[in-house]
Amino acid sequence: MPHLSSVEESQRYLREIIDLERIDLVEFFWVMYLTNSNRLIAVAEIGVGSTNLVAVSVKTIFQKALLVNAVGIIVAHNHPSGSLRASEADIAMTKKINSAAKIFEMALVDHIIITSEGFLSFAQEGLL
């Protein structure tokens, strides 16, 4: 499995494994599960939503994390609108996931928003 040492590598790898023709249609939510050295263990599609939202279960995110013995996670979702701005709902969900990660002694490495045109990293924007 690849070593994801940067947000650029992470979003590039995600684009290789998802159906890029669908990211302009509805929202999806993915989680990349990592080892201590940021090697990818697994990727899971956690949710499929509508044109402007996706329901995310924090419980589901961490059930899988515990099963694969992940030390860190990178979460990602798309914005079919093409907007590379984090919404208030995106920021609130990120805080919720980050709090849960700390309980399980895991790291939320990043939250990435992808569109067909680009990406936004919560870590790079200081939103984590």
N, C-alpha and C. Protein backbone atom coordinates (compact mmCIF):
# COMPACT_ATOMS: atom_id res chain seq x y z
N MET A 1 0.83 -1.19 0.00
CA MET A 1 0.00 0.00 0.00
C MET A 1 0.88 1.25 0.00
N PRO A 2 0.36 2.34 -0.57
CA PRO A 2 1.17 3.55 -0.68
C PRO A 2 1.41 4.25 0.65
N HIS A 3 2.47 5.03 0.65
CA HIS A 3 2.81 5.90 1.78
C HIS A 3 2.26 7.28 1.43
N LEU A 4 1.35 7.80 2.26
CA LEU A 4 0.71 9.08 1.99
C LEU A 4 1.34 10.16 2.86
N SER A 5 2.38 10.78 2.35
CA SER A 5 3.14 11.73 3.15
C SER A 5 2.73 13.18 2.93
N SER A 6 1.79 13.42 2.02
CA SER A 6 1.34 14.79 1.80
C SER A 6 -0.12 14.79 1.35
N VAL A 7 -0.76 15.94 1.47
CA VAL A 7 -2.14 16.05 1.03
C VAL A 7 -2.24 15.85 -0.48
N GLU A 8 -1.22 16.28 -1.21
CA GLU A 8 -1.23 16.10 -2.65
C GLU A 8 -1.25 14.61 -3.00
N GLU A 9 -0.41 13.81 -2.33
CA GLU A 9 -0.38 12.37 -2.56
C GLU A 9 -1.71 11.74 -2.17
N SER A 10 -2.28 12.18 -1.05
CA SER A 10 -3.54 11.61 -0.56
C SER A 10 -4.68 11.85 -1.53
N GLN A 11 -4.84 13.08 -2.00
CA GLN A 11 -5.95 13.37 -2.91
C GLN A 11 -5.69 12.73 -4.27
N ARG A 12 -4.45 12.64 -4.69
CA ARG A 12 -4.12 11.99 -5.97
C ARG A 12 -4.48 10.50 -5.92
N TYR A 13 -4.13 9.84 -4.80
CA TYR A 13 -4.45 8.42 -4.64
C TYR A 13 -5.96 8.22 -4.60
N LEU A 14 -6.67 9.07 -3.88
CA LEU A 14 -8.12 8.96 -3.80
C LEU A 14 -8.74 9.09 -5.19
N ARG A 15 -8.25 10.02 -5.98
CA ARG A 15 -8.78 10.20 -7.34
C ARG A 15 -8.54 8.97 -8.21
N GLU A 16 -7.47 8.22 -7.91
CA GLU A 16 -7.17 7.01 -8.69
C GLU A 16 -8.16 5.88 -8.40
N ILE A 17 -8.74 5.86 -7.19
CA ILE A 17 -9.57 4.72 -6.81
C ILE A 17 -11.08 5.00 -6.82
N ILE A 18 -11.47 6.25 -6.92
CA ILE A 18 -12.91 6.56 -6.94
C ILE A 18 -13.36 6.79 -8.37
N ASP A 19 -14.67 6.78 -8.57
CA ASP A 19 -15.26 7.05 -9.88
C ASP A 19 -15.39 8.56 -10.04
N LEU A 20 -14.46 9.14 -10.78
CA LEU A 20 -14.43 10.60 -10.94
C LEU A 20 -15.63 11.15 -11.69
N GLU A 21 -16.30 10.31 -12.45
CA GLU A 21 -17.48 10.77 -13.18
C GLU A 21 -18.67 11.00 -12.24
N ARG A 22 -18.60 10.45 -11.02
CA ARG A 22 -19.71 10.61 -10.08
C ARG A 22 -19.53 11.79 -9.13
N ILE A 23 -18.32 12.36 -9.01
CA ILE A 23 -18.11 13.39 -7.99
C ILE A 23 -18.79 14.72 -8.29
N ASP A 24 -19.27 14.91 -9.51
CA ASP A 24 -20.02 16.12 -9.83
C ASP A 24 -21.53 15.90 -9.71
N LEU A 25 -21.94 14.70 -9.29
CA LEU A 25 -23.37 14.36 -9.23
C LEU A 25 -23.94 14.41 -7.82
N VAL A 26 -23.33 13.67 -6.89
CA VAL A 26 -23.78 13.62 -5.50
C VAL A 26 -22.57 13.61 -4.58
N GLU A 27 -22.80 13.90 -3.29
CA GLU A 27 -21.69 13.89 -2.32
C GLU A 27 -21.40 12.48 -1.85
N PHE A 28 -20.10 12.22 -1.68
CA PHE A 28 -19.60 10.97 -1.13
C PHE A 28 -18.69 11.31 0.04
N PHE A 29 -18.50 10.36 0.95
CA PHE A 29 -17.59 10.55 2.08
C PHE A 29 -16.72 9.31 2.18
N TRP A 30 -15.40 9.51 2.16
CA TRP A 30 -14.44 8.42 2.22
C TRP A 30 -13.53 8.57 3.42
N VAL A 31 -12.98 7.45 3.87
CA VAL A 31 -11.97 7.47 4.93
C VAL A 31 -10.79 6.62 4.49
N MET A 32 -9.59 7.18 4.65
CA MET A 32 -8.35 6.45 4.40
C MET A 32 -7.75 6.12 5.76
N TYR A 33 -7.50 4.85 5.99
CA TYR A 33 -6.98 4.37 7.28
C TYR A 33 -5.48 4.15 7.15
N LEU A 34 -4.74 4.66 8.15
CA LEU A 34 -3.28 4.72 8.05
C LEU A 34 -2.57 4.03 9.21
N THR A 35 -1.33 3.59 8.92
CA THR A 35 -0.43 3.10 9.96
C THR A 35 0.24 4.30 10.63
N ASN A 36 1.09 4.02 11.59
CA ASN A 36 1.83 5.07 12.29
C ASN A 36 2.75 5.86 11.35
N SER A 37 3.20 5.20 10.27
CA SER A 37 4.09 5.88 9.32
C SER A 37 3.33 6.37 8.08
N ASN A 38 2.00 6.52 8.20
CA ASN A 38 1.13 7.01 7.13
C ASN A 38 1.09 6.11 5.90
N ARG A 39 1.29 4.81 6.11
CA ARG A 39 1.05 3.85 5.04
C ARG A 39 -0.44 3.54 5.03
N LEU A 40 -0.99 3.49 3.86
CA LEU A 40 -2.42 3.23 3.72
C LEU A 40 -2.73 1.77 4.04
N ILE A 41 -3.69 1.55 4.92
CA ILE A 41 -4.14 0.21 5.26
C ILE A 41 -5.39 -0.14 4.45
N ALA A 42 -6.33 0.80 4.39
CA ALA A 42 -7.61 0.57 3.71
C ALA A 42 -8.27 1.89 3.38
N VAL A 43 -9.21 1.83 2.46
CA VAL A 43 -10.05 2.97 2.12
C VAL A 43 -11.50 2.49 2.16
N ALA A 44 -12.38 3.29 2.75
CA ALA A 44 -13.79 2.92 2.81
C ALA A 44 -14.65 4.09 2.37
N GLU A 45 -15.68 3.77 1.59
CA GLU A 45 -16.70 4.76 1.26
C GLU A 45 -17.74 4.67 2.36
N ILE A 46 -17.80 5.70 3.20
CA ILE A 46 -18.65 5.69 4.39
C ILE A 46 -20.07 6.16 4.09
N GLY A 47 -20.22 7.06 3.12
CA GLY A 47 -21.55 7.58 2.85
C GLY A 47 -21.73 8.06 1.42
N VAL A 48 -22.96 7.96 0.95
CA VAL A 48 -23.37 8.51 -0.34
C VAL A 48 -24.59 9.36 -0.05
N GLY A 49 -24.58 10.60 -0.52
CA GLY A 49 -25.67 11.50 -0.19
C GLY A 49 -26.42 12.02 -1.39
N SER A 50 -26.76 13.29 -1.31
CA SER A 50 -27.50 13.95 -2.39
C SER A 50 -26.58 15.00 -3.03
N THR A 51 -27.18 15.91 -3.75
CA THR A 51 -26.37 16.91 -4.45
C THR A 51 -25.67 17.90 -3.52
N ASN A 52 -26.16 18.03 -2.27
CA ASN A 52 -25.55 19.04 -1.40
C ASN A 52 -25.27 18.55 0.02
N LEU A 53 -25.42 17.24 0.30
CA LEU A 53 -25.04 16.76 1.63
C LEU A 53 -24.87 15.25 1.62
N VAL A 54 -24.14 14.79 2.62
CA VAL A 54 -23.96 13.36 2.84
C VAL A 54 -23.99 13.11 4.34
N ALA A 55 -24.76 12.12 4.76
CA ALA A 55 -24.81 11.76 6.18
C ALA A 55 -23.59 10.91 6.51
N VAL A 56 -22.95 11.25 7.62
CA VAL A 56 -21.74 10.54 8.02
C VAL A 56 -21.92 10.00 9.43
N SER A 57 -21.63 8.73 9.60
CA SER A 57 -21.69 8.10 10.91
C SER A 57 -20.28 8.01 11.49
N VAL A 58 -20.04 8.78 12.54
CA VAL A 58 -18.73 8.73 13.20
C VAL A 58 -18.48 7.33 13.73
N LYS A 59 -19.51 6.69 14.20
CA LYS A 59 -19.40 5.32 14.70
C LYS A 59 -18.85 4.39 13.62
N THR A 60 -19.38 4.49 12.41
CA THR A 60 -18.93 3.65 11.30
C THR A 60 -17.47 3.92 10.96
N ILE A 61 -17.07 5.18 11.00
CA ILE A 61 -15.67 5.53 10.72
C ILE A 61 -14.74 4.80 11.67
N PHE A 62 -15.08 4.81 12.95
CA PHE A 62 -14.17 4.24 13.95
C PHE A 62 -14.34 2.74 14.15
N GLN A 63 -15.48 2.19 13.76
CA GLN A 63 -15.60 0.72 13.76
C GLN A 63 -14.56 0.14 12.82
N LYS A 64 -14.49 0.68 11.62
CA LYS A 64 -13.51 0.20 10.63
C LYS A 64 -12.09 0.50 11.09
N ALA A 65 -11.87 1.67 11.67
CA ALA A 65 -10.53 2.04 12.13
C ALA A 65 -10.02 1.03 13.16
N LEU A 66 -10.89 0.64 14.07
CA LEU A 66 -10.50 -0.33 15.09
C LEU A 66 -10.26 -1.71 14.48
N LEU A 67 -11.08 -2.08 13.51
CA LEU A 67 -10.92 -3.39 12.87
C LEU A 67 -9.60 -3.53 12.12
N VAL A 68 -9.15 -2.45 11.50
CA VAL A 68 -7.90 -2.52 10.73
C VAL A 68 -6.69 -2.04 11.53
N ASN A 69 -6.93 -1.71 12.81
CA ASN A 69 -5.87 -1.26 13.71
C ASN A 69 -5.17 0.01 13.22
N ALA A 70 -5.97 0.95 12.73
CA ALA A 70 -5.43 2.21 12.21
C ALA A 70 -4.93 3.09 13.35
N VAL A 71 -3.91 3.85 13.04
CA VAL A 71 -3.36 4.82 13.98
C VAL A 71 -3.79 6.23 13.58
N GLY A 72 -4.04 6.41 12.29
CA GLY A 72 -4.48 7.71 11.79
C GLY A 72 -5.50 7.54 10.70
N ILE A 73 -6.25 8.61 10.46
CA ILE A 73 -7.22 8.61 9.37
C ILE A 73 -7.16 9.92 8.61
N ILE A 74 -7.49 9.83 7.34
CA ILE A 74 -7.72 11.00 6.51
C ILE A 74 -9.14 10.85 6.00
N VAL A 75 -9.98 11.83 6.27
CA VAL A 75 -11.35 11.79 5.75
C VAL A 75 -11.42 12.72 4.55
N ALA A 76 -12.34 12.39 3.64
CA ALA A 76 -12.48 13.19 2.42
C ALA A 76 -13.92 13.14 1.96
N HIS A 77 -14.35 14.23 1.38
CA HIS A 77 -15.65 14.23 0.71
C HIS A 77 -15.57 15.19 -0.47
N ASN A 78 -16.55 15.08 -1.34
CA ASN A 78 -16.58 15.93 -2.52
C ASN A 78 -17.70 16.95 -2.42
N HIS A 79 -17.54 18.00 -3.19
CA HIS A 79 -18.58 19.02 -3.34
C HIS A 79 -18.98 19.03 -4.81
N PRO A 80 -20.14 18.44 -5.16
CA PRO A 80 -20.58 18.44 -6.56
C PRO A 80 -20.71 19.85 -7.14
N SER A 81 -20.95 20.84 -6.29
CA SER A 81 -21.09 22.23 -6.74
C SER A 81 -19.78 22.78 -7.29
N GLY A 82 -18.66 22.12 -6.94
CA GLY A 82 -17.37 22.63 -7.36
C GLY A 82 -16.74 23.58 -6.36
N SER A 83 -17.46 23.92 -5.30
CA SER A 83 -16.96 24.85 -4.29
C SER A 83 -15.83 24.22 -3.48
N LEU A 84 -14.77 24.96 -3.33
CA LEU A 84 -13.64 24.52 -2.50
C LEU A 84 -13.61 25.28 -1.18
N ARG A 85 -14.79 25.57 -0.65
CA ARG A 85 -14.91 26.22 0.65
C ARG A 85 -15.55 25.24 1.62
N ALA A 86 -15.01 25.21 2.83
CA ALA A 86 -15.57 24.35 3.87
C ALA A 86 -16.83 25.01 4.44
N SER A 87 -17.92 24.28 4.47
CA SER A 87 -19.15 24.81 5.05
C SER A 87 -19.09 24.70 6.57
N GLU A 88 -20.01 25.35 7.24
CA GLU A 88 -20.10 25.23 8.70
C GLU A 88 -20.35 23.78 9.09
N ALA A 89 -21.18 23.07 8.31
CA ALA A 89 -21.45 21.65 8.58
C ALA A 89 -20.18 20.82 8.41
N ASP A 90 -19.36 21.14 7.41
CA ASP A 90 -18.09 20.43 7.19
C ASP A 90 -17.16 20.63 8.39
N ILE A 91 -17.08 21.85 8.87
CA ILE A 91 -16.21 22.18 9.99
C ILE A 91 -16.70 21.49 11.26
N ALA A 92 -18.01 21.51 11.49
CA ALA A 92 -18.57 20.86 12.68
C ALA A 92 -18.33 19.36 12.66
N MET A 93 -18.51 18.72 11.51
CA MET A 93 -18.27 17.28 11.39
C MET A 93 -16.80 16.96 11.62
N THR A 94 -15.92 17.79 11.11
CA THR A 94 -14.49 17.57 11.30
C THR A 94 -14.13 17.63 12.78
N LYS A 95 -14.69 18.59 13.49
CA LYS A 95 -14.43 18.69 14.94
C LYS A 95 -14.93 17.45 15.67
N LYS A 96 -16.09 16.96 15.28
CA LYS A 96 -16.67 15.77 15.89
C LYS A 96 -15.78 14.55 15.65
N ILE A 97 -15.32 14.38 14.41
CA ILE A 97 -14.44 13.26 14.07
C ILE A 97 -13.12 13.38 14.81
N ASN A 98 -12.58 14.60 14.89
CA ASN A 98 -11.31 14.82 15.58
C ASN A 98 -11.43 14.48 17.06
N SER A 99 -12.53 14.85 17.68
CA SER A 99 -12.75 14.53 19.10
C SER A 99 -12.82 13.02 19.31
N ALA A 100 -13.52 12.33 18.43
CA ALA A 100 -13.62 10.87 18.54
C ALA A 100 -12.26 10.21 18.32
N ALA A 101 -11.49 10.73 17.38
CA ALA A 101 -10.16 10.17 17.10
C ALA A 101 -9.28 10.24 18.35
N LYS A 102 -9.35 11.34 19.06
CA LYS A 102 -8.55 11.50 20.28
C LYS A 102 -8.94 10.47 21.34
N ILE A 103 -10.23 10.18 21.46
CA ILE A 103 -10.68 9.17 22.42
C ILE A 103 -10.04 7.82 22.12
N PHE A 104 -9.93 7.49 20.83
CA PHE A 104 -9.35 6.20 20.43
C PHE A 104 -7.84 6.26 20.22
N GLU A 105 -7.23 7.37 20.62
CA GLU A 105 -5.79 7.58 20.49
C GLU A 105 -5.33 7.43 19.04
N MET A 106 -6.13 8.02 18.16
CA MET A 106 -5.81 8.07 16.73
C MET A 106 -5.65 9.53 16.33
N ALA A 107 -5.06 9.74 15.17
CA ALA A 107 -4.88 11.10 14.66
C ALA A 107 -5.77 11.31 13.45
N LEU A 108 -6.50 12.43 13.45
CA LEU A 108 -7.16 12.88 12.22
C LEU A 108 -6.11 13.69 11.48
N VAL A 109 -5.53 13.10 10.47
CA VAL A 109 -4.42 13.71 9.75
C VAL A 109 -4.90 14.86 8.87
N ASP A 110 -6.05 14.67 8.24
CA ASP A 110 -6.57 15.73 7.36
C ASP A 110 -8.02 15.43 7.01
N HIS A 111 -8.70 16.46 6.57
CA HIS A 111 -10.02 16.34 5.94
C HIS A 111 -9.86 17.06 4.61
N ILE A 112 -10.12 16.34 3.54
CA ILE A 112 -9.91 16.88 2.21
C ILE A 112 -11.26 17.01 1.51
N ILE A 113 -11.51 18.15 0.92
CA ILE A 113 -12.66 18.35 0.05
C ILE A 113 -12.13 18.29 -1.37
N ILE A 114 -12.73 17.42 -2.19
CA ILE A 114 -12.28 17.35 -3.57
C ILE A 114 -13.42 17.74 -4.51
N THR A 115 -13.02 18.31 -5.62
CA THR A 115 -13.95 18.60 -6.72
C THR A 115 -13.25 18.14 -8.00
N SER A 116 -13.96 18.20 -9.10
CA SER A 116 -13.32 17.82 -10.35
C SER A 116 -12.21 18.80 -10.73
N GLU A 117 -12.23 19.99 -10.13
CA GLU A 117 -11.24 21.02 -10.46
C GLU A 117 -10.05 21.12 -9.50
N GLY A 118 -10.22 20.65 -8.24
CA GLY A 118 -9.13 20.82 -7.28
C GLY A 118 -9.47 20.21 -5.94
N PHE A 119 -8.79 20.71 -4.90
CA PHE A 119 -9.03 20.19 -3.55
C PHE A 119 -8.71 21.25 -2.51
N LEU A 120 -9.26 21.04 -1.31
CA LEU A 120 -8.97 21.89 -0.16
C LEU A 120 -8.58 20.98 0.99
N SER A 121 -7.51 21.30 1.66
CA SER A 121 -7.03 20.55 2.82
C SER A 121 -7.34 21.33 4.08
N PHE A 122 -8.10 20.71 5.00
CA PHE A 122 -8.38 21.36 6.28
C PHE A 122 -7.08 21.61 7.04
N ALA A 123 -6.15 20.68 6.97
CA ALA A 123 -4.87 20.85 7.68
C ALA A 123 -4.11 22.06 7.16
N GLN A 124 -4.02 22.19 5.83
CA GLN A 124 -3.31 23.33 5.24
C GLN A 124 -4.01 24.65 5.52
N GLU A 125 -5.32 24.63 5.66
CA GLU A 125 -6.10 25.84 5.91
C GLU A 125 -6.19 26.18 7.40
N GLY A 126 -5.60 25.34 8.26
CA GLY A 126 -5.66 25.58 9.70
C GLY A 126 -7.02 25.30 10.31
N LEU A 127 -7.80 24.41 9.70
CA LEU A 127 -9.14 24.10 10.16
C LEU A 127 -9.21 22.82 11.04
N LEU A 128 -8.07 22.22 11.31
CA LEU A 128 -8.06 21.02 12.17
C LEU A 128 -7.71 21.40 13.58
